[in-house]
Amino acid sequence: MVHSTFMVDLRRSATRALAFHPPHHDYTFPLDDIMVFAFSARRADVQMYICNREHYGYLPLPLKQEQSLEEEVESFSHTMTEALS
């Protein structure tokens, strides 16, 4: 699952209306970053879609509080090995 990662074509003038904060004045639903952004996109007439045709990279998981920097280095090494395979 990809969460909170978007590629936005900033060449389109409609993208100037996109925002997470402050939420659009018509947004009356629970505060959720994805929902606020989707509402903003809909109001700006900017289509959101998932593209699986291209590989754009990796989104590593953040370290848990109890994890060490050494574990982060190991995780990064695994990611690099997978990327280069």
C-alpha atoms as a PDB file:
ATOM      1  CA  MET A   1       0.000   0.000   0.000  1.00  0.00           C
ATOM      2  CA  VAL A   2       1.305   3.435  -0.886  1.00  0.00           C
ATOM      3  CA  HIS A   3       0.230   6.164   1.496  1.00  0.00           C
ATOM      4  CA  SER A   4       0.676   9.923   1.274  1.00  0.00           C
ATOM      5  CA  THR A   5       2.892   9.900  -1.791  1.00  0.00           C
ATOM      6  CA  PHE A   6       1.791  11.808  -4.863  1.00  0.00           C
ATOM      7  CA  MET A   7       3.356  12.902  -8.103  1.00  0.00           C
ATOM      8  CA  VAL A   8       1.798  16.161  -9.229  1.00  0.00           C
ATOM      9  CA  ASP A   9       2.158  17.744 -12.660  1.00  0.00           C
ATOM     10  CA  LEU A  10       2.882  21.311 -11.584  1.00  0.00           C
ATOM     11  CA  ARG A  11       2.725  22.488 -15.185  1.00  0.00           C
ATOM     12  CA  ARG A  12      -1.069  22.410 -14.958  1.00  0.00           C
ATOM     13  CA  SER A  13      -2.456  25.663 -13.612  1.00  0.00           C
ATOM     14  CA  ALA A  14      -5.202  23.781 -11.726  1.00  0.00           C
ATOM     15  CA  THR A  15      -2.572  22.291  -9.411  1.00  0.00           C
ATOM     16  CA  ARG A  16      -2.154  25.691  -7.754  1.00  0.00           C
ATOM     17  CA  ALA A  17      -5.490  25.036  -6.040  1.00  0.00           C
ATOM     18  CA  LEU A  18      -4.296  21.776  -4.428  1.00  0.00           C
ATOM     19  CA  ALA A  19      -3.712  21.873  -0.686  1.00  0.00           C
ATOM     20  CA  PHE A  20      -3.554  19.735   2.435  1.00  0.00           C
ATOM     21  CA  HIS A  21      -3.777  22.665   4.799  1.00  0.00           C
ATOM     22  CA  PRO A  22      -5.855  24.579   5.327  1.00  0.00           C
ATOM     23  CA  PRO A  23      -8.616  22.258   4.129  1.00  0.00           C
ATOM     24  CA  HIS A  24     -11.011  23.609   1.510  1.00  0.00           C
ATOM     25  CA  HIS A  25     -13.723  25.704   3.185  1.00  0.00           C
ATOM     26  CA  ASP A  26     -16.399  23.252   1.940  1.00  0.00           C
ATOM     27  CA  TYR A  27     -14.614  20.244   3.481  1.00  0.00           C
ATOM     28  CA  THR A  28     -16.736  19.162   6.468  1.00  0.00           C
ATOM     29  CA  PHE A  29     -15.561  15.577   6.949  1.00  0.00           C
ATOM     30  CA  PRO A  30     -13.115  14.102   9.500  1.00  0.00           C
ATOM     31  CA  LEU A  31      -9.626  15.551   9.148  1.00  0.00           C
ATOM     32  CA  ASP A  32      -7.563  13.046   7.145  1.00  0.00           C
ATOM     33  CA  ASP A  33      -4.656  14.061   4.914  1.00  0.00           C
ATOM     34  CA  ILE A  34      -5.591  11.795   2.008  1.00  0.00           C
ATOM     35  CA  MET A  35      -9.266  12.738   2.111  1.00  0.00           C
ATOM     36  CA  VAL A  36      -8.490  16.474   2.357  1.00  0.00           C
ATOM     37  CA  PHE A  37      -6.138  16.220  -0.626  1.00  0.00           C
ATOM     38  CA  ALA A  38      -8.629  14.150  -2.653  1.00  0.00           C
ATOM     39  CA  PHE A  39     -11.355  16.705  -1.912  1.00  0.00           C
ATOM     40  CA  SER A  40      -9.013  19.507  -2.947  1.00  0.00           C
ATOM     41  CA  ALA A  41      -8.178  17.670  -6.188  1.00  0.00           C
ATOM     42  CA  ARG A  42     -11.834  17.091  -6.993  1.00  0.00           C
ATOM     43  CA  ARG A  43     -12.658  20.773  -6.408  1.00  0.00           C
ATOM     44  CA  ALA A  44      -9.730  21.803  -8.647  1.00  0.00           C
ATOM     45  CA  ASP A  45     -10.808  19.304 -11.328  1.00  0.00           C
ATOM     46  CA  VAL A  46      -7.470  17.494 -11.020  1.00  0.00           C
ATOM     47  CA  GLN A  47      -7.813  13.772 -11.706  1.00  0.00           C
ATOM     48  CA  MET A  48      -6.169  11.374  -9.251  1.00  0.00           C
ATOM     49  CA  TYR A  49      -5.182   7.919 -10.446  1.00  0.00           C
ATOM     50  CA  ILE A  50      -2.764   5.099  -9.705  1.00  0.00           C
ATOM     51  CA  CYS A  51      -0.040   4.414 -12.260  1.00  0.00           C
ATOM     52  CA  ASN A  52       1.589   0.993 -12.123  1.00  0.00           C
ATOM     53  CA  ARG A  53       3.197   1.227 -15.570  1.00  0.00           C
ATOM     54  CA  GLU A  54       6.413   2.747 -14.307  1.00  0.00           C
ATOM     55  CA  HIS A  55       8.583   2.051 -11.285  1.00  0.00           C
ATOM     56  CA  TYR A  56       9.061   5.353  -9.493  1.00  0.00           C
ATOM     57  CA  GLY A  57      11.125   4.155  -6.557  1.00  0.00           C
ATOM     58  CA  TYR A  58      10.782   2.877  -3.028  1.00  0.00           C
ATOM     59  CA  LEU A  59       9.022   4.280   0.002  1.00  0.00           C
ATOM     60  CA  PRO A  60      10.936   2.945   3.016  1.00  0.00           C
ATOM     61  CA  LEU A  61       9.193   2.450   6.315  1.00  0.00           C
ATOM     62  CA  PRO A  62      10.282   4.884   9.018  1.00  0.00           C
ATOM     63  CA  LEU A  63      12.289   3.543  11.933  1.00  0.00           C
ATOM     64  CA  LYS A  64      10.352   2.422  14.963  1.00  0.00           C
ATOM     65  CA  GLN A  65      11.337   4.139  18.180  1.00  0.00           C
ATOM     66  CA  GLU A  66      13.168   1.049  19.449  1.00  0.00           C
ATOM     67  CA  GLN A  67      15.162   0.512  16.232  1.00  0.00           C
ATOM     68  CA  SER A  68      18.781   1.548  15.893  1.00  0.00           C
ATOM     69  CA  LEU A  69      20.577   3.362  13.111  1.00  0.00           C
ATOM     70  CA  GLU A  70      22.396   0.108  12.334  1.00  0.00           C
ATOM     71  CA  GLU A  71      19.032  -1.524  11.599  1.00  0.00           C
ATOM     72  CA  GLU A  72      18.206   1.364   9.273  1.00  0.00           C
ATOM     73  CA  VAL A  73      21.499   0.833   7.427  1.00  0.00           C
ATOM     74  CA  GLU A  74      20.725  -2.886   7.085  1.00  0.00           C
ATOM     75  CA  SER A  75      17.208  -2.161   5.813  1.00  0.00           C
ATOM     76  CA  PHE A  76      18.595   0.336   3.301  1.00  0.00           C
ATOM     77  CA  SER A  77      21.146  -2.232   2.112  1.00  0.00           C
ATOM     78  CA  HIS A  78      18.339  -4.730   1.470  1.00  0.00           C
ATOM     79  CA  THR A  79      16.364  -2.090  -0.432  1.00  0.00           C
ATOM     80  CA  MET A  80      19.385  -1.237  -2.585  1.00  0.00           C
ATOM     81  CA  THR A  81      20.037  -4.926  -3.298  1.00  0.00           C
ATOM     82  CA  GLU A  82      16.425  -5.366  -4.397  1.00  0.00           C
ATOM     83  CA  ALA A  83      16.538  -2.211  -6.529  1.00  0.00           C
ATOM     84  CA  LEU A  84      19.676  -3.327  -8.336  1.00  0.00           C
ATOM     85  CA  SER A  85      18.405  -6.868  -8.995  1.00  0.00           C
END
